[in-house]
């Protein structure tokens, strides 16, 4: 009985998204040209690679900011 109640209750538990997950979803809607500008490159890459480049830069900058503080 407890397992059944736990299974039903787990449907109503909020799971927090991973850091930068919402921003990555937002970036998916931008044009490739805009993504290239944000990534700081003129080379042609797929949107997925451009988004990963942007997120990597953001994560690295966040680490540097945490080390400084």
Protein backbone atom coordinates (compact mmCIF):
# COMPACT_ATOMS: atom_id res chain seq x y z
CA UNK A 1 0.00 0.00 0.00
CA UNK A 2 2.84 2.40 0.85
CA UNK A 3 4.45 1.81 -2.55
CA UNK A 4 1.19 2.67 -4.30
CA UNK A 5 0.83 5.89 -2.33
CA UNK A 6 4.48 6.79 -2.98
CA UNK A 7 3.99 6.22 -6.71
CA UNK A 8 0.92 8.46 -6.77
CA UNK A 9 2.60 11.12 -4.65
CA UNK A 10 5.69 11.20 -6.86
CA UNK A 11 3.54 12.55 -9.70
CA UNK A 12 3.00 15.76 -7.72
CA UNK A 13 6.60 16.40 -6.66
CA UNK A 14 8.36 19.29 -8.40
CA UNK A 15 11.74 18.41 -9.84
CA UNK A 16 13.99 21.44 -10.25
CA UNK A 17 15.52 21.85 -13.71
CA UNK A 18 19.26 21.60 -14.14
CA UNK A 19 21.17 24.89 -14.03
CA UNK A 20 21.09 26.74 -17.37
CA UNK A 21 18.47 24.27 -18.70
CA UNK A 22 15.81 26.95 -19.17
CA UNK A 23 18.27 29.29 -20.84
CA UNK A 24 19.33 26.53 -23.24
CA UNK A 25 15.69 26.03 -24.19
CA UNK A 26 15.36 29.78 -24.79
CA UNK A 27 18.49 29.81 -26.97
CA UNK A 28 17.00 27.04 -29.14
CA UNK A 29 14.45 29.55 -30.47
CA UNK A 30 17.03 32.06 -31.62
CA UNK A 31 18.38 32.22 -35.14
CA UNK A 32 21.77 30.73 -35.97
CA UNK A 33 23.05 34.20 -36.80
CA UNK A 34 22.15 35.49 -33.34
CA UNK A 35 23.66 32.40 -31.71
CA UNK A 36 26.93 32.96 -33.61
CA UNK A 37 27.02 36.52 -32.26
CA UNK A 38 26.45 35.31 -28.69
CA UNK A 39 29.07 32.58 -29.06
CA UNK A 40 31.57 35.08 -30.47
CA UNK A 41 32.31 33.19 -33.68
CA UNK A 42 31.78 33.72 -37.39
CA UNK A 43 32.14 30.04 -38.26
CA UNK A 44 29.15 27.95 -39.20
CA UNK A 45 28.20 25.41 -36.52
CA UNK A 46 24.97 23.60 -35.77
CA UNK A 47 22.64 25.22 -33.27
CA UNK A 48 23.41 22.52 -30.71
CA UNK A 49 27.14 23.22 -30.85
CA UNK A 50 26.60 26.98 -30.70
CA UNK A 51 24.33 26.61 -27.67
CA UNK A 52 26.90 24.38 -25.98
CA UNK A 53 29.61 26.97 -26.68
CA UNK A 54 27.48 29.73 -25.11
CA UNK A 55 26.62 27.63 -22.06
CA UNK A 56 30.24 26.57 -21.58
CA UNK A 57 31.31 30.22 -21.60
CA UNK A 58 28.62 31.06 -19.06
CA UNK A 59 29.62 28.18 -16.79
CA UNK A 60 33.29 29.13 -16.98
CA UNK A 61 32.48 32.76 -16.20
CA UNK A 62 30.34 31.68 -13.23
CA UNK A 63 33.23 29.58 -11.87
CA UNK A 64 35.65 32.51 -12.19
CA UNK A 65 33.18 34.83 -10.45
CA UNK A 66 32.79 32.33 -7.59
CA UNK A 67 36.56 32.03 -7.20
CA UNK A 68 36.96 35.80 -7.05
CA UNK A 69 34.22 36.24 -4.45
